[in-house]
Amino acid sequence: MVGRSEYIEEAYRELERMSADERARLEYEARQKAIRDHEAIMSSAWNRGLQEGREQGVAQGRLSIVRRMLEGGASPEEIMRLAGVTEEEVEKARNL
């Protein structure tokens, strides 16, 4: 019976070691997933910010052109035709 007890203890120790390795692997995989998720979120936010910045820059550029055309004496109709802007954009530029 003493011999069996040693085998059982050895098997139990091996099971604990394997379980610990499994837990460590699962923890590692969870950490890696969290890192990948964070990187994906940050990348998406960065790209969204770049796109919004570009759109704002284009809008500001158009507004600047419209303002200069108004200052140069162009009519709203001519500005809309040449600059491809809406009447609302011309009015916005006029009110600045």
PDB file of N, CA and C in Angstrom:
ATOM      1  N   MET A   1       0.801  -1.191   0.000  1.00  0.00           N
ATOM      2  CA  MET A   1       0.000   0.000   0.000  1.00  0.00           C
ATOM      3  C   MET A   1       0.847   1.260   0.000  1.00  0.00           C
ATOM      4  N   VAL A   2       2.001   1.176   0.647  1.00  0.00           N
ATOM      5  CA  VAL A   2       2.881   2.342   0.696  1.00  0.00           C
ATOM      6  C   VAL A   2       3.308   2.713  -0.711  1.00  0.00           C
ATOM      7  N   GLY A   3       3.623   1.738  -1.566  1.00  0.00           N
ATOM      8  CA  GLY A   3       4.036   1.992  -2.944  1.00  0.00           C
ATOM      9  C   GLY A   3       2.943   2.671  -3.738  1.00  0.00           C
ATOM     10  N   ARG A   4       1.725   2.253  -3.553  1.00  0.00           N
ATOM     11  CA  ARG A   4       0.609   2.877  -4.268  1.00  0.00           C
ATOM     12  C   ARG A   4       0.465   4.345  -3.871  1.00  0.00           C
ATOM     13  N   SER A   5       0.635   4.596  -2.628  1.00  0.00           N
ATOM     14  CA  SER A   5       0.517   5.954  -2.131  1.00  0.00           C
ATOM     15  C   SER A   5       1.553   6.858  -2.806  1.00  0.00           C
ATOM     16  N   GLU A   6       2.769   6.351  -2.979  1.00  0.00           N
ATOM     17  CA  GLU A   6       3.807   7.137  -3.647  1.00  0.00           C
ATOM     18  C   GLU A   6       3.434   7.425  -5.090  1.00  0.00           C
ATOM     19  N   TYR A   7       2.885   6.416  -5.781  1.00  0.00           N
ATOM     20  CA  TYR A   7       2.470   6.606  -7.164  1.00  0.00           C
ATOM     21  C   TYR A   7       1.336   7.630  -7.254  1.00  0.00           C
ATOM     22  N   ILE A   8       0.424   7.531  -6.337  1.00  0.00           N
ATOM     23  CA  ILE A   8      -0.704   8.474  -6.333  1.00  0.00           C
ATOM     24  C   ILE A   8      -0.192   9.890  -6.065  1.00  0.00           C
ATOM     25  N   GLU A   9       0.722  10.014  -5.111  1.00  0.00           N
ATOM     26  CA  GLU A   9       1.294  11.330  -4.817  1.00  0.00           C
ATOM     27  C   GLU A   9       2.053  11.880  -6.016  1.00  0.00           C
ATOM     28  N   GLU A  10       2.799  11.016  -6.673  1.00  0.00           N
ATOM     29  CA  GLU A  10       3.543  11.458  -7.852  1.00  0.00           C
ATOM     30  C   GLU A  10       2.585  11.874  -8.968  1.00  0.00           C
ATOM     31  N   ALA A  11       1.546  11.083  -9.165  1.00  0.00           N
ATOM     32  CA  ALA A  11       0.547  11.416 -10.179  1.00  0.00           C
ATOM     33  C   ALA A  11      -0.148  12.735  -9.826  1.00  0.00           C
ATOM     34  N   TYR A  12      -0.439  12.945  -8.563  1.00  0.00           N
ATOM     35  CA  TYR A  12      -1.084  14.170  -8.113  1.00  0.00           C
ATOM     36  C   TYR A  12      -0.166  15.377  -8.353  1.00  0.00           C
ATOM     37  N   ARG A  13       1.119  15.231  -8.041  1.00  0.00           N
ATOM     38  CA  ARG A  13       2.075  16.314  -8.290  1.00  0.00           C
ATOM     39  C   ARG A  13       2.157  16.636  -9.789  1.00  0.00           C
ATOM     40  N   GLU A  14       2.167  15.596 -10.598  1.00  0.00           N
ATOM     41  CA  GLU A  14       2.217  15.801 -12.047  1.00  0.00           C
ATOM     42  C   GLU A  14       0.955  16.509 -12.530  1.00  0.00           C
ATOM     43  N   LEU A  15      -0.182  16.115 -11.991  1.00  0.00           N
ATOM     44  CA  LEU A  15      -1.449  16.768 -12.342  1.00  0.00           C
ATOM     45  C   LEU A  15      -1.421  18.238 -11.934  1.00  0.00           C
ATOM     46  N   GLU A  16      -0.905  18.531 -10.762  1.00  0.00           N
ATOM     47  CA  GLU A  16      -0.789  19.925 -10.316  1.00  0.00           C
ATOM     48  C   GLU A  16       0.126  20.721 -11.242  1.00  0.00           C
ATOM     49  N   ARG A  17       1.245  20.112 -11.638  1.00  0.00           N
ATOM     50  CA  ARG A  17       2.181  20.790 -12.526  1.00  0.00           C
ATOM     51  C   ARG A  17       1.524  21.085 -13.875  1.00  0.00           C
ATOM     52  N   MET A  18       0.828  20.078 -14.394  1.00  0.00           N
ATOM     53  CA  MET A  18       0.155  20.261 -15.681  1.00  0.00           C
ATOM     54  C   MET A  18      -0.951  21.305 -15.566  1.00  0.00           C
ATOM     55  N   SER A  19      -1.663  21.287 -14.459  1.00  0.00           N
ATOM     56  CA  SER A  19      -2.731  22.266 -14.256  1.00  0.00           C
ATOM     57  C   SER A  19      -2.156  23.665 -14.144  1.00  0.00           C
ATOM     58  N   ALA A  20      -1.057  23.784 -13.446  1.00  0.00           N
ATOM     59  CA  ALA A  20      -0.413  25.086 -13.306  1.00  0.00           C
ATOM     60  C   ALA A  20       0.044  25.590 -14.669  1.00  0.00           C
ATOM     61  N   ASP A  21       0.609  24.701 -15.474  1.00  0.00           N
ATOM     62  CA  ASP A  21       1.036  25.096 -16.819  1.00  0.00           C
ATOM     63  C   ASP A  21      -0.164  25.520 -17.655  1.00  0.00           C
ATOM     64  N   GLU A  22      -1.265  24.810 -17.526  1.00  0.00           N
ATOM     65  CA  GLU A  22      -2.479  25.145 -18.278  1.00  0.00           C
ATOM     66  C   GLU A  22      -2.992  26.522 -17.844  1.00  0.00           C
ATOM     67  N   ARG A  23      -3.002  26.758 -16.546  1.00  0.00           N
ATOM     68  CA  ARG A  23      -3.432  28.071 -16.050  1.00  0.00           C
ATOM     69  C   ARG A  23      -2.509  29.161 -16.563  1.00  0.00           C
ATOM     70  N   ALA A  24      -1.218  28.896 -16.519  1.00  0.00           N
ATOM     71  CA  ALA A  24      -0.256  29.892 -17.001  1.00  0.00           C
ATOM     72  C   ALA A  24      -0.466  30.156 -18.488  1.00  0.00           C
ATOM     73  N   ARG A  25      -0.697  29.109 -19.243  1.00  0.00           N
ATOM     74  CA  ARG A  25      -0.939  29.270 -20.683  1.00  0.00           C
ATOM     75  C   ARG A  25      -2.202  30.077 -20.925  1.00  0.00           C
ATOM     76  N   LEU A  26      -3.261  29.758 -20.186  1.00  0.00           N
ATOM     77  CA  LEU A  26      -4.519  30.488 -20.353  1.00  0.00           C
ATOM     78  C   LEU A  26      -4.362  31.957 -19.954  1.00  0.00           C
ATOM     79  N   GLU A  27      -3.608  32.207 -18.880  1.00  0.00           N
ATOM     80  CA  GLU A  27      -3.360  33.587 -18.463  1.00  0.00           C
ATOM     81  C   GLU A  27      -2.553  34.328 -19.529  1.00  0.00           C
ATOM     82  N   TYR A  28      -1.556  33.651 -20.078  1.00  0.00           N
ATOM     83  CA  TYR A  28      -0.746  34.255 -21.132  1.00  0.00           C
ATOM     84  C   TYR A  28      -1.611  34.580 -22.342  1.00  0.00           C
ATOM     85  N   GLU A  29      -2.440  33.631 -22.758  1.00  0.00           N
ATOM     86  CA  GLU A  29      -3.307  33.864 -23.912  1.00  0.00           C
ATOM     87  C   GLU A  29      -4.289  35.000 -23.649  1.00  0.00           C
ATOM     88  N   ALA A  30      -4.823  35.081 -22.429  1.00  0.00           N
ATOM     89  CA  ALA A  30      -5.740  36.161 -22.080  1.00  0.00           C
ATOM     90  C   ALA A  30      -5.016  37.511 -22.139  1.00  0.00           C
ATOM     91  N   ARG A  31      -3.778  37.548 -21.636  1.00  0.00           N
ATOM     92  CA  ARG A  31      -2.990  38.783 -21.704  1.00  0.00           C
ATOM     93  C   ARG A  31      -2.728  39.180 -23.152  1.00  0.00           C
ATOM     94  N   GLN A  32      -2.359  38.208 -23.967  1.00  0.00           N
ATOM     95  CA  GLN A  32      -2.083  38.497 -25.373  1.00  0.00           C
ATOM     96  C   GLN A  32      -3.338  39.013 -26.080  1.00  0.00           C
ATOM     97  N   LYS A  33      -4.481  38.407 -25.778  1.00  0.00           N
ATOM     98  CA  LYS A  33      -5.736  38.858 -26.382  1.00  0.00           C
ATOM     99  C   LYS A  33      -6.045  40.281 -25.941  1.00  0.00           C
ATOM    100  N   ALA A  34      -5.848  40.585 -24.663  1.00  0.00           N
ATOM    101  CA  ALA A  34      -6.093  41.942 -24.171  1.00  0.00           C
ATOM    102  C   ALA A  34      -5.185  42.942 -24.873  1.00  0.00           C
ATOM    103  N   ILE A  35      -3.935  42.568 -25.080  1.00  0.00           N
ATOM    104  CA  ILE A  35      -2.999  43.455 -25.782  1.00  0.00           C
ATOM    105  C   ILE A  35      -3.452  43.672 -27.221  1.00  0.00           C
ATOM    106  N   ARG A  36      -3.834  42.591 -27.908  1.00  0.00           N
ATOM    107  CA  ARG A  36      -4.297  42.723 -29.301  1.00  0.00           C
ATOM    108  C   ARG A  36      -5.567  43.560 -29.374  1.00  0.00           C
ATOM    109  N   ASP A  37      -6.496  43.339 -28.436  1.00  0.00           N
ATOM    110  CA  ASP A  37      -7.733  44.121 -28.417  1.00  0.00           C
ATOM    111  C   ASP A  37      -7.427  45.599 -28.211  1.00  0.00           C
ATOM    112  N   HIS A  38      -6.532  45.895 -27.279  1.00  0.00           N
ATOM    113  CA  HIS A  38      -6.164  47.288 -27.004  1.00  0.00           C
ATOM    114  C   HIS A  38      -5.534  47.920 -28.247  1.00  0.00           C
ATOM    115  N   GLU A  39      -4.636  47.195 -28.892  1.00  0.00           N
ATOM    116  CA  GLU A  39      -3.990  47.724 -30.095  1.00  0.00           C
ATOM    117  C   GLU A  39      -5.009  47.967 -31.207  1.00  0.00           C
ATOM    118  N   ALA A  40      -5.982  47.071 -31.346  1.00  0.00           N
ATOM    119  CA  ALA A  40      -7.011  47.248 -32.375  1.00  0.00           C
ATOM    120  C   ALA A  40      -7.878  48.471 -32.076  1.00  0.00           C
ATOM    121  N   ILE A  41      -8.236  48.651 -30.820  1.00  0.00           N
ATOM    122  CA  ILE A  41      -9.048  49.803 -30.428  1.00  0.00           C
ATOM    123  C   ILE A  41      -8.277  51.097 -30.675  1.00  0.00           C
ATOM    124  N   MET A  42      -7.008  51.106 -30.265  1.00  0.00           N
ATOM    125  CA  MET A  42      -6.196  52.313 -30.449  1.00  0.00           C
ATOM    126  C   MET A  42      -5.985  52.616 -31.934  1.00  0.00           C
ATOM    127  N   SER A  43      -5.749  51.591 -32.726  1.00  0.00           N
ATOM    128  CA  SER A  43      -5.551  51.787 -34.159  1.00  0.00           C
ATOM    129  C   SER A  43      -6.814  52.333 -34.805  1.00  0.00           C
ATOM    130  N   SER A  44      -7.947  51.780 -34.419  1.00  0.00           N
ATOM    131  CA  SER A  44      -9.226  52.242 -34.958  1.00  0.00           C
ATOM    132  C   SER A  44      -9.482  53.694 -34.573  1.00  0.00           C
ATOM    133  N   ALA A  45      -9.220  54.033 -33.322  1.00  0.00           N
ATOM    134  CA  ALA A  45      -9.421  55.408 -32.867  1.00  0.00           C
ATOM    135  C   ALA A  45      -8.473  56.359 -33.598  1.00  0.00           C
ATOM    136  N   TRP A  46      -7.235  55.934 -33.781  1.00  0.00           N
ATOM    137  CA  TRP A  46      -6.247  56.748 -34.492  1.00  0.00           C
ATOM    138  C   TRP A  46      -6.714  57.017 -35.927  1.00  0.00           C
ATOM    139  N   ASN A  47      -7.138  55.959 -36.606  1.00  0.00           N
ATOM    140  CA  ASN A  47      -7.589  56.115 -37.988  1.00  0.00           C
ATOM    141  C   ASN A  47      -8.833  56.988 -38.079  1.00  0.00           C
ATOM    142  N   ARG A  48      -9.750  56.814 -37.127  1.00  0.00           N
ATOM    143  CA  ARG A  48     -10.970  57.629 -37.106  1.00  0.00           C
ATOM    144  C   ARG A  48     -10.599  59.099 -36.879  1.00  0.00           C
ATOM    145  N   GLY A  49      -9.653  59.346 -35.976  1.00  0.00           N
ATOM    146  CA  GLY A  49      -9.201  60.709 -35.719  1.00  0.00           C
ATOM    147  C   GLY A  49      -8.545  61.334 -36.943  1.00  0.00           C
ATOM    148  N   LEU A  50      -7.725  60.552 -37.634  1.00  0.00           N
ATOM    149  CA  LEU A  50      -7.100  61.050 -38.861  1.00  0.00           C
ATOM    150  C   LEU A  50      -8.149  61.421 -39.896  1.00  0.00           C
ATOM    151  N   GLN A  51      -9.126  60.550 -40.072  1.00  0.00           N
ATOM    152  CA  GLN A  51     -10.180  60.804 -41.057  1.00  0.00           C
ATOM    153  C   GLN A  51     -10.971  62.057 -40.696  1.00  0.00           C
ATOM    154  N   GLU A  52     -11.333  62.187 -39.416  1.00  0.00           N
ATOM    155  CA  GLU A  52     -12.077  63.373 -38.991  1.00  0.00           C
ATOM    156  C   GLU A  52     -11.245  64.632 -39.178  1.00  0.00           C
ATOM    157  N   GLY A  53      -9.946  64.534 -38.886  1.00  0.00           N
ATOM    158  CA  GLY A  53      -9.059  65.679 -39.074  1.00  0.00           C
ATOM    159  C   GLY A  53      -8.956  66.074 -40.537  1.00  0.00           C
ATOM    160  N   ARG A  54      -8.862  65.087 -41.403  1.00  0.00           N
ATOM    161  CA  ARG A  54      -8.811  65.382 -42.843  1.00  0.00           C
ATOM    162  C   ARG A  54     -10.093  66.072 -43.296  1.00  0.00           C
ATOM    163  N   GLU A  55     -11.226  65.531 -42.844  1.00  0.00           N
ATOM    164  CA  GLU A  55     -12.512  66.115 -43.235  1.00  0.00           C
ATOM    165  C   GLU A  55     -12.635  67.545 -42.742  1.00  0.00           C
ATOM    166  N   GLN A  56     -12.195  67.808 -41.514  1.00  0.00           N
ATOM    167  CA  GLN A  56     -12.247  69.172 -40.989  1.00  0.00           C
ATOM    168  C   GLN A  56     -11.314  70.085 -41.770  1.00  0.00           C
ATOM    169  N   GLY A  57     -10.149  69.568 -42.118  1.00  0.00           N
ATOM    170  CA  GLY A  57      -9.198  70.359 -42.899  1.00  0.00           C
ATOM    171  C   GLY A  57      -9.744  70.718 -44.264  1.00  0.00           C
ATOM    172  N   VAL A  58     -10.391  69.776 -44.913  1.00  0.00           N
ATOM    173  CA  VAL A  58     -10.984  70.035 -46.229  1.00  0.00           C
ATOM    174  C   VAL A  58     -12.094  71.079 -46.089  1.00  0.00           C
ATOM    175  N   ALA A  59     -12.930  70.931 -45.075  1.00  0.00           N
ATOM    176  CA  ALA A  59     -14.032  71.882 -44.859  1.00  0.00           C
ATOM    177  C   ALA A  59     -13.486  73.281 -44.588  1.00  0.00           C
ATOM    178  N   GLN A  60     -12.433  73.372 -43.772  1.00  0.00           N
ATOM    179  CA  GLN A  60     -11.847  74.678 -43.479  1.00  0.00           C
ATOM    180  C   GLN A  60     -11.208  75.278 -44.726  1.00  0.00           C
ATOM    181  N   GLY A  61     -10.580  74.434 -45.527  1.00  0.00           N
ATOM    182  CA  GLY A  61      -9.977  74.912 -46.773  1.00  0.00           C
ATOM    183  C   GLY A  61     -11.025  75.456 -47.726  1.00  0.00           C
ATOM    184  N   ARG A  62     -12.127  74.750 -47.841  1.00  0.00           N
ATOM    185  CA  ARG A  62     -13.219  75.204 -48.719  1.00  0.00           C
ATOM    186  C   ARG A  62     -13.779  76.536 -48.217  1.00  0.00           C
ATOM    187  N   LEU A  63     -13.941  76.627 -46.905  1.00  0.00           N
ATOM    188  CA  LEU A  63     -14.465  77.850 -46.309  1.00  0.00           C
ATOM    189  C   LEU A  63     -13.522  79.029 -46.564  1.00  0.00           C
ATOM    190  N   SER A  64     -12.237  78.769 -46.469  1.00  0.00           N
ATOM    191  CA  SER A  64     -11.238  79.811 -46.722  1.00  0.00           C
ATOM    192  C   SER A  64     -11.305  80.288 -48.173  1.00  0.00           C
ATOM    193  N   ILE A  65     -11.438  79.363 -49.088  1.00  0.00           N
ATOM    194  CA  ILE A  65     -11.539  79.717 -50.511  1.00  0.00           C
ATOM    195  C   ILE A  65     -12.779  80.546 -50.766  1.00  0.00           C
ATOM    196  N   VAL A  66     -13.898  80.120 -50.175  1.00  0.00           N
ATOM    197  CA  VAL A  66     -15.155  80.847 -50.368  1.00  0.00           C
ATOM    198  C   VAL A  66     -15.027  82.260 -49.809  1.00  0.00           C
ATOM    199  N   ARG A  67     -14.414  82.409 -48.634  1.00  0.00           N
ATOM    200  CA  ARG A  67     -14.229  83.740 -48.042  1.00  0.00           C
ATOM    201  C   ARG A  67     -13.405  84.642 -48.966  1.00  0.00           C
ATOM    202  N   ARG A  68     -12.328  84.083 -49.512  1.00  0.00           N
ATOM    203  CA  ARG A  68     -11.488  84.881 -50.416  1.00  0.00           C
ATOM    204  C   ARG A  68     -12.248  85.258 -51.689  1.00  0.00           C
ATOM    205  N   MET A  69     -13.073  84.346 -52.175  1.00  0.00           N
ATOM    206  CA  MET A  69     -13.858  84.664 -53.376  1.00  0.00           C
ATOM    207  C   MET A  69     -14.868  85.760 -53.075  1.00  0.00           C
ATOM    208  N   LEU A  70     -15.487  85.697 -51.879  1.00  0.00           N
ATOM    209  CA  LEU A  70     -16.420  86.758 -51.489  1.00  0.00           C
ATOM    210  C   LEU A  70     -15.696  88.100 -51.376  1.00  0.00           C
ATOM    211  N   GLU A  71     -14.524  88.068 -50.749  1.00  0.00           N
ATOM    212  CA  GLU A  71     -13.732  89.295 -50.616  1.00  0.00           C
ATOM    213  C   GLU A  71     -13.316  89.834 -51.982  1.00  0.00           C
ATOM    214  N   GLY A  72     -13.146  88.943 -52.931  1.00  0.00           N
ATOM    215  CA  GLY A  72     -12.770  89.355 -54.291  1.00  0.00           C
ATOM    216  C   GLY A  72     -13.949  89.835 -55.116  1.00  0.00           C
ATOM    217  N   GLY A  73     -15.148  89.793 -54.544  1.00  0.00           N
ATOM    218  CA  GLY A  73     -16.325  90.317 -55.232  1.00  0.00           C
ATOM    219  C   GLY A  73     -17.116  89.292 -56.027  1.00  0.00           C
ATOM    220  N   ALA A  74     -16.826  88.020 -55.891  1.00  0.00           N
ATOM    221  CA  ALA A  74     -17.577  87.003 -56.636  1.00  0.00           C
ATOM    222  C   ALA A  74     -18.981  86.878 -56.061  1.00  0.00           C
ATOM    223  N   SER A  75     -19.915  86.624 -56.916  1.00  0.00           N
ATOM    224  CA  SER A  75     -21.306  86.451 -56.470  1.00  0.00           C
ATOM    225  C   SER A  75     -21.472  85.061 -55.865  1.00  0.00           C
ATOM    226  N   PRO A  76     -22.475  84.894 -54.976  1.00  0.00           N
ATOM    227  CA  PRO A  76     -22.713  83.570 -54.390  1.00  0.00           C
ATOM    228  C   PRO A  76     -22.942  82.486 -55.448  1.00  0.00           C
ATOM    229  N   GLU A  77     -23.644  82.820 -56.515  1.00  0.00           N
ATOM    230  CA  GLU A  77     -23.908  81.839 -57.567  1.00  0.00           C
ATOM    231  C   GLU A  77     -22.612  81.407 -58.255  1.00  0.00           C
ATOM    232  N   GLU A  78     -21.756  82.379 -58.508  1.00  0.00           N
ATOM    233  CA  GLU A  78     -20.473  82.081 -59.152  1.00  0.00           C
ATOM    234  C   GLU A  78     -19.600  81.227 -58.230  1.00  0.00           C
ATOM    235  N   ILE A  79     -19.602  81.552 -56.955  1.00  0.00           N
ATOM    236  CA  ILE A  79     -18.815  80.784 -55.977  1.00  0.00           C
ATOM    237  C   ILE A  79     -19.318  79.349 -55.916  1.00  0.00           C
ATOM    238  N   MET A  80     -20.645  79.177 -55.863  1.00  0.00           N
ATOM    239  CA  MET A  80     -21.203  77.816 -55.802  1.00  0.00           C
ATOM    240  C   MET A  80     -20.823  77.028 -57.047  1.00  0.00           C
ATOM    241  N   ARG A  81     -20.868  77.686 -58.201  1.00  0.00           N
ATOM    242  CA  ARG A  81     -20.541  77.003 -59.451  1.00  0.00           C
ATOM    243  C   ARG A  81     -19.056  76.660 -59.533  1.00  0.00           C
ATOM    244  N   LEU A  82     -18.199  77.604 -59.204  1.00  0.00           N
ATOM    245  CA  LEU A  82     -16.764  77.398 -59.369  1.00  0.00           C
ATOM    246  C   LEU A  82     -16.152  76.544 -58.248  1.00  0.00           C
ATOM    247  N   ALA A  83     -16.599  76.780 -57.022  1.00  0.00           N
ATOM    248  CA  ALA A  83     -15.994  76.076 -55.885  1.00  0.00           C
ATOM    249  C   ALA A  83     -16.726  74.789 -55.538  1.00  0.00           C
ATOM    250  N   GLY A  84     -17.907  74.607 -56.117  1.00  0.00           N
ATOM    251  CA  GLY A  84     -18.663  73.376 -55.828  1.00  0.00           C
ATOM    252  C   GLY A  84     -19.164  73.317 -54.390  1.00  0.00           C
ATOM    253  N   VAL A  85     -19.531  74.479 -53.863  1.00  0.00           N
ATOM    254  CA  VAL A  85     -20.037  74.526 -52.493  1.00  0.00           C
ATOM    255  C   VAL A  85     -21.531  74.802 -52.508  1.00  0.00           C
ATOM    256  N   THR A  86     -22.145  74.623 -51.358  1.00  0.00           N
ATOM    257  CA  THR A  86     -23.585  74.864 -51.246  1.00  0.00           C
ATOM    258  C   THR A  86     -23.847  76.308 -50.840  1.00  0.00           C
ATOM    259  N   GLU A  87     -25.086  76.714 -50.973  1.00  0.00           N
ATOM    260  CA  GLU A  87     -25.479  78.056 -50.558  1.00  0.00           C
ATOM    261  C   GLU A  87     -25.229  78.259 -49.057  1.00  0.00           C
ATOM    262  N   GLU A  88     -25.451  77.193 -48.281  1.00  0.00           N
ATOM    263  CA  GLU A  88     -25.217  77.273 -46.839  1.00  0.00           C
ATOM    264  C   GLU A  88     -23.745  77.538 -46.535  1.00  0.00           C
ATOM    265  N   GLU A  89     -22.849  76.911 -47.289  1.00  0.00           N
ATOM    266  CA  GLU A  89     -21.430  77.127 -47.084  1.00  0.00           C
ATOM    267  C   GLU A  89     -21.036  78.554 -47.423  1.00  0.00           C
ATOM    268  N   VAL A  90     -21.648  79.120 -48.473  1.00  0.00           N
ATOM    269  CA  VAL A  90     -21.370  80.508 -48.839  1.00  0.00           C
ATOM    270  C   VAL A  90     -21.845  81.424 -47.718  1.00  0.00           C
ATOM    271  N   GLU A  91     -23.032  81.168 -47.192  1.00  0.00           N
ATOM    272  CA  GLU A  91     -23.558  81.994 -46.101  1.00  0.00           C
ATOM    273  C   GLU A  91     -22.702  81.871 -44.852  1.00  0.00           C
ATOM    274  N   LYS A  92     -22.246  80.686 -44.558  1.00  0.00           N
ATOM    275  CA  LYS A  92     -21.379  80.480 -43.390  1.00  0.00           C
ATOM    276  C   LYS A  92     -20.101  81.289 -43.543  1.00  0.00           C
ATOM    277  N   ALA A  93     -19.506  81.257 -44.725  1.00  0.00           N
ATOM    278  CA  ALA A  93     -18.267  82.009 -44.982  1.00  0.00           C
ATOM    279  C   ALA A  93     -18.540  83.509 -44.904  1.00  0.00           C
ATOM    280  N   ARG A  94     -19.680  83.937 -45.362  1.00  0.00           N
ATOM    281  CA  ARG A  94     -20.029  85.358 -45.349  1.00  0.00           C
ATOM    282  C   ARG A  94     -20.176  85.856 -43.906  1.00  0.00           C
ATOM    283  N   ASN A  95     -20.684  84.998 -43.031  1.00  0.00           N
ATOM    284  CA  ASN A  95     -20.944  85.396 -41.638  1.00  0.00           C
ATOM    285  C   ASN A  95     -19.718  85.310 -40.743  1.00  0.00           C
ATOM    286  N   LEU A  96     -18.598  84.827 -41.252  1.00  0.00           N
ATOM    287  CA  LEU A  96     -17.388  84.737 -40.426  1.00  0.00           C
ATOM    288  C   LEU A  96     -16.630  86.032 -40.378  1.00  0.00           C
TER     289      LEU A  96
END
